[in-house]
C-alpha atoms as a PDB file:
ATOM      1  CA  LEU A   1      17.231   3.462   0.593  1.00  0.00           C
ATOM      2  CA  GLN A   2      15.968   3.191   4.867  1.00  0.00           C
ATOM      3  CA  SER A   3      18.294  -0.150   4.490  1.00  0.00           C
ATOM      4  CA  ARG A   4      21.352   2.277   3.238  1.00  0.00           C
ATOM      5  CA  GLY A   5      20.546   4.961   6.259  1.00  0.00           C
ATOM      6  CA  PHE A   6      18.656   6.954   4.310  1.00  0.00           C
ATOM      7  CA  THR A   7      15.303   9.006   5.683  1.00  0.00           C
ATOM      8  CA  VAL A   8      12.611   8.219   3.180  1.00  0.00           C
ATOM      9  CA  LYS A   9       9.741  10.561   3.599  1.00  0.00           C
ATOM     10  CA  LEU A  10       6.456  10.513   0.890  1.00  0.00           C
ATOM     11  CA  MET A  11       4.073  13.050   0.173  1.00  0.00           C
ATOM     12  CA  ALA A  12       0.871  13.418  -1.058  1.00  0.00           C
ATOM     13  CA  PRO A  13       1.429  14.334  -4.949  1.00  0.00           C
ATOM     14  CA  GLN A  14      -1.367  16.960  -4.064  1.00  0.00           C
ATOM     15  CA  PHE A  15       0.666  18.857  -1.420  1.00  0.00           C
ATOM     16  CA  VAL A  16       3.288  19.034  -4.003  1.00  0.00           C
ATOM     17  CA  LYS A  17       0.933  19.996  -6.861  1.00  0.00           C
ATOM     18  CA  PRO A  18       0.466  24.023  -5.365  1.00  0.00           C
ATOM     19  CA  TYR A  19       4.531  24.520  -6.028  1.00  0.00           C
ATOM     20  CA  VAL A  20       5.249  23.663  -9.385  1.00  0.00           C
ATOM     21  CA  LYS A  21       6.146  27.086 -11.157  1.00  0.00           C
ATOM     22  CA  SER A  22       5.116  27.418 -15.028  1.00  0.00           C
ATOM     23  CA  ASN A  23       4.989  24.492 -17.327  1.00  0.00           C
ATOM     24  CA  LYS A  24       5.613  21.165 -15.794  1.00  0.00           C
ATOM     25  CA  ASN A  25       8.764  19.363 -16.452  1.00  0.00           C
ATOM     26  CA  ASP A  26      11.286  17.402 -14.391  1.00  0.00           C
ATOM     27  CA  ALA A  27      13.348  20.212 -13.259  1.00  0.00           C
ATOM     28  CA  ASN A  28      10.134  21.819 -11.800  1.00  0.00           C
ATOM     29  CA  ASP A  29       8.530  18.802 -10.621  1.00  0.00           C
ATOM     30  CA  ALA A  30      11.765  18.009  -8.497  1.00  0.00           C
ATOM     31  CA  GLU A  31      12.425  22.279  -7.464  1.00  0.00           C
ATOM     32  CA  ALA A  32       8.532  22.388  -6.204  1.00  0.00           C
ATOM     33  CA  ILE A  33       9.353  19.106  -4.547  1.00  0.00           C
ATOM     34  CA  CYS A  34      12.022  20.440  -2.498  1.00  0.00           C
ATOM     35  CA  GLU A  35      10.296  23.356  -1.775  1.00  0.00           C
ATOM     36  CA  ALA A  36       7.332  21.337  -0.476  1.00  0.00           C
ATOM     37  CA  MET A  37       9.309  19.266   1.658  1.00  0.00           C
ATOM     38  CA  SER A  38      10.783  22.182   3.221  1.00  0.00           C
ATOM     39  CA  ARG A  39       7.711  23.675   4.711  1.00  0.00           C
ATOM     40  CA  ASN A  40       7.207  22.870   8.538  1.00  0.00           C
ATOM     41  CA  SER A  41       3.334  22.708   7.852  1.00  0.00           C
ATOM     42  CA  MET A  42       3.925  19.633   5.292  1.00  0.00           C
ATOM     43  CA  ARG A  43       2.338  16.477   6.092  1.00  0.00           C
ATOM     44  CA  PHE A  44       3.708  13.175   5.224  1.00  0.00           C
ATOM     45  CA  VAL A  45       2.958   9.599   3.967  1.00  0.00           C
ATOM     46  CA  ALA A  46       3.572   6.906   6.772  1.00  0.00           C
ATOM     47  CA  VAL A  47       6.037   4.327   4.878  1.00  0.00           C
ATOM     48  CA  LYS A  48       4.450   0.715   5.122  1.00  0.00           C
ATOM     49  CA  ARG A  49       6.322  -2.102   6.280  1.00  0.00           C
ATOM     50  CA  ILE A  50       6.390  -5.114   4.520  1.00  0.00           C
ATOM     51  CA  GLU A  51       3.571  -7.287   6.398  1.00  0.00           C
ATOM     52  CA  GLN A  52       1.511  -3.968   5.995  1.00  0.00           C
ATOM     53  CA  GLN A  53       2.124  -4.733   1.978  1.00  0.00           C
ATOM     54  CA  ASP A  54       1.208  -8.079   2.243  1.00  0.00           C
ATOM     55  CA  ILE A  55      -2.034  -7.556   3.825  1.00  0.00           C
ATOM     56  CA  GLN A  56      -3.207  -5.076   1.484  1.00  0.00           C
ATOM     57  CA  ALA A  57      -2.425  -7.130  -1.565  1.00  0.00           C
ATOM     58  CA  VAL A  58      -4.368  -9.781   0.058  1.00  0.00           C
ATOM     59  CA  HIS A  59      -7.194  -7.171   0.400  1.00  0.00           C
ATOM     60  CA  ARG A  60      -6.297  -5.941  -3.425  1.00  0.00           C
ATOM     61  CA  VAL A  61      -6.565  -9.239  -5.106  1.00  0.00           C
ATOM     62  CA  ARG A  62      -9.603 -10.140  -3.601  1.00  0.00           C
ATOM     63  CA  SER A  63     -11.035  -6.528  -4.556  1.00  0.00           C
ATOM     64  CA  GLU A  64     -10.567  -7.375  -7.946  1.00  0.00           C
ATOM     65  CA  LEU A  65     -11.978 -10.835  -8.346  1.00  0.00           C
ATOM     66  CA  ILE A  66     -14.973  -9.544  -6.716  1.00  0.00           C
ATOM     67  CA  GLU A  67     -15.035  -7.010  -9.394  1.00  0.00           C
ATOM     68  CA  GLN A  68     -14.675  -9.710 -12.172  1.00  0.00           C
ATOM     69  CA  ARG A  69     -17.348 -11.527  -9.989  1.00  0.00           C
ATOM     70  CA  THR A  70     -20.223  -8.958 -10.404  1.00  0.00           C
ATOM     71  CA  ALA A  71     -18.765  -8.180 -14.034  1.00  0.00           C
ATOM     72  CA  LYS A  72     -19.189 -11.902 -14.828  1.00  0.00           C
ATOM     73  CA  ALA A  73     -22.692 -11.954 -13.038  1.00  0.00           C
ATOM     74  CA  ASN A  74     -23.801  -8.780 -15.064  1.00  0.00           C
ATOM     75  CA  GLN A  75     -22.556 -10.549 -18.530  1.00  0.00           C
ATOM     76  CA  ILE A  76     -25.080 -13.248 -17.779  1.00  0.00           C
ATOM     77  CA  ARG A  77     -28.155 -11.015 -16.837  1.00  0.00           C
ATOM     78  CA  GLY A  78     -27.344  -8.729 -20.007  1.00  0.00           C
ATOM     79  CA  LEU A  79     -26.976 -12.071 -22.004  1.00  0.00           C
ATOM     80  CA  VAL A  80     -30.300 -14.370 -20.799  1.00  0.00           C
ATOM     81  CA  ALA A  81     -32.415 -10.988 -21.170  1.00  0.00           C
ATOM     82  CA  GLU A  82     -32.069 -11.377 -24.852  1.00  0.00           C
ATOM     83  CA  TYR A  83     -33.642 -15.085 -24.277  1.00  0.00           C
ATOM     84  CA  GLY A  84     -36.100 -13.549 -22.352  1.00  0.00           C
ATOM     85  CA  LEU A  85     -35.188 -14.576 -18.982  1.00  0.00           C
ATOM     86  CA  VAL A  86     -35.070 -12.118 -16.459  1.00  0.00           C
ATOM     87  CA  ALA A  87     -32.357 -12.158 -13.800  1.00  0.00           C
ATOM     88  CA  PRO A  88     -32.464 -11.677 -10.119  1.00  0.00           C
ATOM     89  CA  LYS A  89     -30.372  -8.416  -9.232  1.00  0.00           C
ATOM     90  CA  GLU A  90     -28.970 -10.441  -5.959  1.00  0.00           C
ATOM     91  CA  MET A  91     -26.066 -12.711  -6.456  1.00  0.00           C
ATOM     92  CA  THR A  92     -27.604 -15.541  -4.220  1.00  0.00           C
ATOM     93  CA  GLN A  93     -30.640 -15.822  -6.140  1.00  0.00           C
ATOM     94  CA  LEU A  94     -28.805 -15.783  -9.333  1.00  0.00           C
ATOM     95  CA  ARG A  95     -27.015 -18.601  -8.151  1.00  0.00           C
ATOM     96  CA  ARG A  96     -30.228 -20.922  -7.511  1.00  0.00           C
ATOM     97  CA  ALA A  97     -31.512 -19.623 -11.004  1.00  0.00           C
ATOM     98  CA  VAL A  98     -28.799 -20.508 -13.643  1.00  0.00           C
ATOM     99  CA  PRO A  99     -28.734 -24.133 -12.423  1.00  0.00           C
ATOM    100  CA  ILE A 100     -32.242 -23.840 -12.999  1.00  0.00           C
ATOM    101  CA  TRP A 101     -32.082 -22.475 -16.938  1.00  0.00           C
ATOM    102  CA  LEU A 102     -29.183 -25.024 -17.800  1.00  0.00           C
ATOM    103  CA  GLU A 103     -32.096 -27.673 -16.853  1.00  0.00           C
ATOM    104  CA  ASP A 104     -34.795 -26.136 -18.355  1.00  0.00           C
ATOM    105  CA  ALA A 105     -35.104 -27.377 -21.936  1.00  0.00           C
ATOM    106  CA  ASP A 106     -38.184 -25.640 -22.775  1.00  0.00           C
ATOM    107  CA  ASN A 107     -37.217 -22.025 -22.025  1.00  0.00           C
ATOM    108  CA  GLY A 108     -35.827 -21.155 -25.245  1.00  0.00           C
ATOM    109  CA  LEU A 109     -31.989 -21.523 -24.651  1.00  0.00           C
ATOM    110  CA  THR A 110     -30.243 -22.714 -27.692  1.00  0.00           C
ATOM    111  CA  TYR A 111     -27.774 -25.381 -27.315  1.00  0.00           C
ATOM    112  CA  ARG A 112     -24.583 -23.264 -28.305  1.00  0.00           C
ATOM    113  CA  PHE A 113     -25.586 -20.266 -25.997  1.00  0.00           C
ATOM    114  CA  ARG A 114     -26.329 -23.643 -23.030  1.00  0.00           C
ATOM    115  CA  ARG A 115     -22.991 -24.113 -23.701  1.00  0.00           C
ATOM    116  CA  LEU A 116     -21.698 -20.664 -23.513  1.00  0.00           C
ATOM    117  CA  LEU A 117     -23.703 -20.344 -20.206  1.00  0.00           C
ATOM    118  CA  ARG A 118     -22.417 -23.299 -18.698  1.00  0.00           C
ATOM    119  CA  GLY A 119     -18.625 -21.836 -19.209  1.00  0.00           C
ATOM    120  CA  LEU A 120     -19.591 -18.537 -18.088  1.00  0.00           C
ATOM    121  CA  TRP A 121     -21.398 -20.105 -14.895  1.00  0.00           C
ATOM    122  CA  GLY A 122     -18.029 -22.026 -14.525  1.00  0.00           C
ATOM    123  CA  ASP A 123     -15.791 -19.372 -14.497  1.00  0.00           C
ATOM    124  CA  VAL A 124     -18.052 -17.109 -11.864  1.00  0.00           C
ATOM    125  CA  LEU A 125     -17.378 -20.696  -9.380  1.00  0.00           C
ATOM    126  CA  VAL A 126     -14.311 -20.088  -9.821  1.00  0.00           C
ATOM    127  CA  LEU A 127     -14.067 -17.028  -9.048  1.00  0.00           C
ATOM    128  CA  ASP A 128     -16.018 -17.777  -5.843  1.00  0.00           C
ATOM    129  CA  SER A 129     -13.792 -20.342  -4.689  1.00  0.00           C
ATOM    130  CA  ARG A 130     -10.863 -17.991  -5.395  1.00  0.00           C
ATOM    131  CA  VAL A 131     -12.627 -15.385  -3.375  1.00  0.00           C
ATOM    132  CA  LYS A 132     -12.904 -17.911  -0.599  1.00  0.00           C
ATOM    133  CA  GLU A 133      -9.557 -19.007  -0.637  1.00  0.00           C
ATOM    134  CA  LEU A 134      -8.721 -14.920   0.196  1.00  0.00           C
ATOM    135  CA  ASP A 135     -11.021 -15.120   2.909  1.00  0.00           C
ATOM    136  CA  GLN A 136      -9.727 -17.935   4.682  1.00  0.00           C
ATOM    137  CA  GLU A 137      -6.220 -15.932   4.073  1.00  0.00           C
ATOM    138  CA  ILE A 138      -7.749 -12.976   5.718  1.00  0.00           C
ATOM    139  CA  GLU A 139      -9.002 -14.948   8.488  1.00  0.00           C
ATOM    140  CA  LEU A 140      -5.807 -16.431   9.750  1.00  0.00           C
ATOM    141  CA  ILE A 141      -4.322 -12.996   9.212  1.00  0.00           C
ATOM    142  CA  ALA A 142      -6.569 -12.041  11.885  1.00  0.00           C
ATOM    143  CA  GLN A 143      -6.349 -14.195  14.168  1.00  0.00           C
ATOM    144  CA  SER A 144      -2.600 -14.428  14.291  1.00  0.00           C
ATOM    145  CA  HIS A 145      -2.439 -10.244  14.845  1.00  0.00           C
ATOM    146  CA  PRO A 146      -2.282  -8.998  18.136  1.00  0.00           C
ATOM    147  CA  LEU A 147      -3.593  -5.571  16.627  1.00  0.00           C
ATOM    148  CA  ALA A 148      -6.277  -7.101  14.705  1.00  0.00           C
ATOM    149  CA  LYS A 149      -7.624  -9.023  17.443  1.00  0.00           C
ATOM    150  CA  LEU A 150      -8.015  -6.060  19.244  1.00  0.00           C
ATOM    151  CA  LEU A 151      -9.867  -4.313  16.362  1.00  0.00           C
ATOM    152  CA  MET A 152     -12.569  -7.064  16.276  1.00  0.00           C
ATOM    153  CA  GLN A 153     -13.693  -6.047  19.866  1.00  0.00           C
ATOM    154  CA  LEU A 154     -15.188  -2.971  17.965  1.00  0.00           C
ATOM    155  CA  ARG A 155     -18.726  -3.004  16.696  1.00  0.00           C
ATOM    156  CA  GLY A 156     -19.228  -3.488  12.919  1.00  0.00           C
ATOM    157  CA  VAL A 157     -14.886  -4.653  12.749  1.00  0.00           C
ATOM    158  CA  GLY A 158     -14.881  -7.868  11.548  1.00  0.00           C
ATOM    159  CA  PRO A 159     -11.341  -9.577  10.153  1.00  0.00           C
ATOM    160  CA  ILE A 160     -12.030  -7.709   6.819  1.00  0.00           C
ATOM    161  CA  VAL A 161     -12.420  -4.379   8.300  1.00  0.00           C
ATOM    162  CA  ALA A 162      -9.802  -4.823  11.123  1.00  0.00           C
ATOM    163  CA  THR A 163      -6.968  -6.079   8.313  1.00  0.00           C
ATOM    164  CA  ALA A 164      -7.722  -3.935   5.904  1.00  0.00           C
ATOM    165  CA  LEU A 165      -7.228  -0.875   8.828  1.00  0.00           C
ATOM    166  CA  ILE A 166      -3.861  -2.234   9.601  1.00  0.00           C
ATOM    167  CA  ALA A 167      -2.891  -2.086   6.346  1.00  0.00           C
ATOM    168  CA  ALA A 168      -3.628   1.194   6.036  1.00  0.00           C
ATOM    169  CA  VAL A 169      -2.763   3.366   9.122  1.00  0.00           C
ATOM    170  CA  GLY A 170      -0.943   0.341  10.995  1.00  0.00           C
ATOM    171  CA  ASP A 171      -0.482   1.300  14.469  1.00  0.00           C
ATOM    172  CA  GLY A 172      -1.467   4.995  13.792  1.00  0.00           C
ATOM    173  CA  ALA A 173       1.466   6.039  15.229  1.00  0.00           C
ATOM    174  CA  GLN A 174       0.935   8.922  12.617  1.00  0.00           C
ATOM    175  CA  PHE A 175      -1.966  10.606  13.479  1.00  0.00           C
ATOM    176  CA  LYS A 176      -2.257  13.047  16.241  1.00  0.00           C
ATOM    177  CA  ASN A 177      -5.531  11.861  17.180  1.00  0.00           C
ATOM    178  CA  GLY A 178      -8.323  10.084  15.959  1.00  0.00           C
ATOM    179  CA  ARG A 179      -9.927  12.791  14.122  1.00  0.00           C
ATOM    180  CA  GLN A 180      -7.019  12.625  11.996  1.00  0.00           C
ATOM    181  CA  MET A 181      -6.654   9.256  10.967  1.00  0.00           C
ATOM    182  CA  SER A 182     -10.397   9.601  10.178  1.00  0.00           C
ATOM    183  CA  ALA A 183     -10.223  12.411   7.866  1.00  0.00           C
ATOM    184  CA  ALA A 184      -7.392  10.650   6.339  1.00  0.00           C
ATOM    185  CA  ILE A 185      -9.658   8.211   5.366  1.00  0.00           C
ATOM    186  CA  GLY A 186     -12.131  10.393   4.344  1.00  0.00           C
ATOM    187  CA  ILE A 187     -15.000  10.122   6.452  1.00  0.00           C
ATOM    188  CA  THR A 188     -15.238  13.282   8.098  1.00  0.00           C
ATOM    189  CA  PRO A 189     -17.127  16.041   6.293  1.00  0.00           C
ATOM    190  CA  ARG A 190     -15.704  18.698   3.688  1.00  0.00           C
ATOM    191  CA  GLN A 191     -15.377  22.549   4.939  1.00  0.00           C
ATOM    192  CA  HIS A 192     -15.898  25.475   2.535  1.00  0.00           C
ATOM    193  CA  SER A 193     -15.773  28.045   5.217  1.00  0.00           C
ATOM    194  CA  SER A 194     -14.996  31.823   5.021  1.00  0.00           C
ATOM    195  CA  GLY A 195     -15.055  34.867   6.850  1.00  0.00           C
ATOM    196  CA  GLY A 196     -15.542  32.828  10.395  1.00  0.00           C
ATOM    197  CA  LYS A 197     -18.701  31.371   8.907  1.00  0.00           C
ATOM    198  CA  GLU A 198     -18.351  27.366   9.030  1.00  0.00           C
ATOM    199  CA  ARG A 199     -19.967  25.878   6.012  1.00  0.00           C
ATOM    200  CA  LEU A 200     -19.174  21.701   6.703  1.00  0.00           C
ATOM    201  CA  LEU A 201     -20.434  19.686   3.137  1.00  0.00           C
ATOM    202  CA  GLY A 202     -20.638  16.090   2.545  1.00  0.00           C
ATOM    203  CA  ILE A 203     -17.419  13.403   3.891  1.00  0.00           C
ATOM    204  CA  SER A 204     -14.684  14.389   1.632  1.00  0.00           C
ATOM    205  CA  LYS A 205     -13.770  10.974   0.497  1.00  0.00           C
ATOM    206  CA  ARG A 206     -10.065  11.199   0.793  1.00  0.00           C
ATOM    207  CA  GLY A 207      -7.515   7.816   1.210  1.00  0.00           C
ATOM    208  CA  ASP A 208      -8.475   4.321   0.761  1.00  0.00           C
ATOM    209  CA  SER A 209     -11.546   4.541  -0.996  1.00  0.00           C
ATOM    210  CA  TYR A 210     -11.965   0.355  -0.066  1.00  0.00           C
ATOM    211  CA  LEU A 211     -11.227   0.981   3.433  1.00  0.00           C
ATOM    212  CA  ARG A 212     -13.726   3.489   3.399  1.00  0.00           C
ATOM    213  CA  ALA A 213     -16.313   1.606   2.019  1.00  0.00           C
ATOM    214  CA  MET A 214     -15.485  -1.429   4.188  1.00  0.00           C
ATOM    215  CA  LEU A 215     -16.645   0.600   7.356  1.00  0.00           C
ATOM    216  CA  ILE A 216     -18.950   2.308   6.190  1.00  0.00           C
ATOM    217  CA  HIS A 217     -20.233  -1.826   5.131  1.00  0.00           C
ATOM    218  CA  GLY A 218     -19.727  -2.674   8.984  1.00  0.00           C
ATOM    219  CA  ALA A 219     -21.895   0.708  10.080  1.00  0.00           C
ATOM    220  CA  ARG A 220     -24.453  -0.541   8.285  1.00  0.00           C
ATOM    221  CA  SER A 221     -24.659  -3.881   9.361  1.00  0.00           C
ATOM    222  CA  VAL A 222     -24.239  -2.797  12.890  1.00  0.00           C
ATOM    223  CA  ILE A 223     -27.551  -0.245  12.330  1.00  0.00           C
ATOM    224  CA  ARG A 224     -29.249  -2.981  10.968  1.00  0.00           C
ATOM    225  CA  MET A 225     -28.782  -5.459  14.403  1.00  0.00           C
ATOM    226  CA  ALA A 226     -29.445  -2.655  16.304  1.00  0.00           C
ATOM    227  CA  LYS A 227     -32.601  -2.097  14.655  1.00  0.00           C
ATOM    228  CA  ALA A 228     -33.907  -5.742  14.308  1.00  0.00           C
ATOM    229  CA  LYS A 229     -32.489  -6.544  17.825  1.00  0.00           C
ATOM    230  CA  ASP A 230     -33.870  -3.456  19.605  1.00  0.00           C
ATOM    231  CA  LYS A 231     -30.620  -2.820  21.189  1.00  0.00           C
ATOM    232  CA  THR A 232     -30.713  -0.812  24.156  1.00  0.00           C
ATOM    233  CA  ASP A 233     -26.846   0.143  25.293  1.00  0.00           C
ATOM    234  CA  ARG A 234     -25.810   4.100  24.267  1.00  0.00           C
ATOM    235  CA  LEU A 235     -23.898   3.824  20.976  1.00  0.00           C
ATOM    236  CA  SER A 236     -27.034   1.194  19.443  1.00  0.00           C
ATOM    237  CA  GLN A 237     -29.873   4.309  20.967  1.00  0.00           C
ATOM    238  CA  TRP A 238     -27.046   7.089  19.687  1.00  0.00           C
ATOM    239  CA  VAL A 239     -27.193   5.933  16.079  1.00  0.00           C
ATOM    240  CA  MET A 240     -30.597   4.550  16.194  1.00  0.00           C
ATOM    241  CA  SER A 241     -31.512   7.868  17.123  1.00  0.00           C
ATOM    242  CA  LEU A 242     -29.617   9.607  14.477  1.00  0.00           C
ATOM    243  CA  ALA A 243     -30.817   7.397  11.611  1.00  0.00           C
ATOM    244  CA  GLN A 244     -34.204   8.160  12.340  1.00  0.00           C
ATOM    245  CA  ARG A 245     -33.470  12.308  12.301  1.00  0.00           C
ATOM    246  CA  ARG A 246     -31.310  11.780   9.458  1.00  0.00           C
ATOM    247  CA  HIS A 247     -30.782   9.634   5.917  1.00  0.00           C
ATOM    248  CA  PRO A 248     -29.500   6.414   7.235  1.00  0.00           C
ATOM    249  CA  ASN A 249     -26.687   6.639   5.072  1.00  0.00           C
ATOM    250  CA  VAL A 250     -25.343   9.736   6.985  1.00  0.00           C
ATOM    251  CA  ALA A 251     -26.004   7.547  10.148  1.00  0.00           C
ATOM    252  CA  ALA A 252     -23.930   4.565   9.359  1.00  0.00           C
ATOM    253  CA  VAL A 253     -20.862   7.053   8.076  1.00  0.00           C
ATOM    254  CA  ALA A 254     -21.473   9.062  11.394  1.00  0.00           C
ATOM    255  CA  LEU A 255     -21.024   5.660  12.943  1.00  0.00           C
ATOM    256  CA  ALA A 256     -17.766   4.657  11.174  1.00  0.00           C
ATOM    257  CA  ASN A 257     -16.651   7.928  11.952  1.00  0.00           C
ATOM    258  CA  LYS A 258     -17.358   7.347  15.471  1.00  0.00           C
ATOM    259  CA  THR A 259     -15.412   3.340  14.982  1.00  0.00           C
ATOM    260  CA  VAL A 260     -12.017   4.872  13.622  1.00  0.00           C
ATOM    261  CA  ARG A 261     -11.596   7.191  16.210  1.00  0.00           C
ATOM    262  CA  ILE A 262     -11.975   4.403  18.838  1.00  0.00           C
ATOM    263  CA  ALA A 263      -9.761   2.042  16.812  1.00  0.00           C
ATOM    264  CA  TRP A 264      -6.953   5.279  17.282  1.00  0.00           C
ATOM    265  CA  ALA A 265      -7.004   4.679  20.358  1.00  0.00           C
ATOM    266  CA  MET A 266      -6.835   1.495  20.820  1.00  0.00           C
ATOM    267  CA  LEU A 267      -4.233   1.383  18.450  1.00  0.00           C
ATOM    268  CA  ARG A 268      -2.590   3.267  20.122  1.00  0.00           C
ATOM    269  CA  THR A 269      -2.901   2.413  24.057  1.00  0.00           C
ATOM    270  CA  GLY A 270      -2.886  -1.174  23.568  1.00  0.00           C
ATOM    271  CA  LYS A 271      -6.375  -0.942  25.172  1.00  0.00           C
ATOM    272  CA  ASP A 272      -9.242  -3.358  24.762  1.00  0.00           C
ATOM    273  CA  TYR A 273     -12.896  -1.990  23.617  1.00  0.00           C
ATOM    274  CA  GLN A 274     -14.698  -0.284  26.222  1.00  0.00           C
ATOM    275  CA  PRO A 275     -18.793   0.243  25.751  1.00  0.00           C
ATOM    276  CA  ALA A 276     -18.952   2.550  28.549  1.00  0.00           C
ATOM    277  CA  LEU A 277     -16.823   5.125  27.050  1.00  0.00           C
ATOM    278  CA  ALA A 278     -17.673   5.035  23.606  1.00  0.00           C
ATOM    279  CA  MET A 279     -20.115   7.826  24.228  1.00  0.00           C
ATOM    280  CA  GLY A 280     -17.589   9.611  26.161  1.00  0.00           C
END
């Protein structure tokens, strides 16, 4: 449509739903869309570029492969438990345990089940190799994309988080400030305020759940490293102080929120990360 000269604007379905009158049908839906788009306060979704769609596709395929690998690992745990073998929770420990089970002739596993287990473990190894291939692809994208290289200066932001941010928000031009971008990702508090009394709840969890999870995982790693290495910079001191006063998950979300706001400023200005301004 854009190539034919049309101006394309996307709207989130939840912003159109309040304008649907009576029963839902095509005519009422079309009327609601026209009514919603005519509002001056309507917020539109930015149209992704082809480059963003490519990066997002890589992340989606990788996420699905990880889910399949987790499902296979859980299936192995459930099946061997029927034979009296307790599988460790972590994937790293399971990788060590399965070959030992297959080689141990006295653990009670039958020949038929060993053959099934070997096939399941082969599936896990195939998924491992596919995930590694996509990790390498993401690494190449991050090293060649100028905005990704800029974002990777931030603490807790590696190739996966940087490319996921670019796929989701591009250069951030659709947001007026960093708080809007953070709210769109869903790591700002929900409000339930009335009568001049403000009440803040948990995070809204809007937007891309995958990106939000990656940002929070990155923030957790920053907190863990700050605690282990006893860092004394202002950002580390702030997040460590918060983690001591509140739940560690609250500190991780707060740091992810701050990271997104700084990322928006870097995307819009093109300037490098400045630690001295991180706590400004």
